Amino acid sequence: MDSVRVLDAPTTPPHSLRMSYEEYQTWAGEDTITEWVNGEVIVPMPPKPKHQRVSDFILMLMGFFVRLFRLGEVFSAPLEMKPTPTSQAREPDIIFVAQENLGRLTEQRLAGPADLIVEVISDDSVSRDRVDKFYEYQEIGVREYWMIDPRPGKARADFWILDAPGHYRPVPIGDDGIYRSTVIRNFWVRVDWLLADELPDPLLTFAEIAHLPDQVVDVLRQLKPQA
């Protein structure tokens, strides 16, 4: 086993291991969130509750919507994305694969680019998410990239789409505070939902996004536990 390197900087992983990708495949467990980058295994800090709440909230909204309208599949980490034999092996927080691209999924991994990726930023992932992964995802052709930073005092949401020349361009949020996905047809979110101290109820929020009938919304409200 190669030596372990301890890193103190807040924007770097707590430790890393040097190994080949073949060794990494043997070493990494199915339930362990790690990434293989340039021969190094990145082991991130365990996510904090706020990170998990935001990630789970987006996963539920996107997952419900995609399943209802049969638009593809949505996955959360750990699912390895390795588009080519020479590319890095990443495990994004949330991956969307469009229906027409489901052939990229193998029994082991996503062997091609996701159509949309969401990364929820934490203290140790700022540089990875905003710099390293930004350029990697752009290069491999991820069509839409969300960066959600829910950290207190630093809350912001950035959305990027791939233009015709293959470069990410930012999508500004309009006065209505809504971001409308260019990849998941008719899917939208209010940015305030993603950055709120207390996240809204995911079922009722999904009902609003999907324009479910009032009768269905009333049933969902009745199912919601009373405070």
Foldseek 3Di string as FASTA:
>chain_A
DADWDADDDQQAARIKDFDDVVVVVVPDDQQAAWWFDPRMIGHHDPDDPLLVVLLVLVQLLVQVLCVVVVFFHKDAPPAWEAQDPPGITHGAGMFGAGPVRNVQDDPRHRNAAGQEGEHEDDRHNPCVQPPVVQVRNLVRPNAKYKYAYQDPPDGDIWIWGADPVSHTDTDDADPVQKDDDPRSPQAIDRSCQSRPPDHDDSVLRSCVSVVPDPVVSVVVVVVDDDD
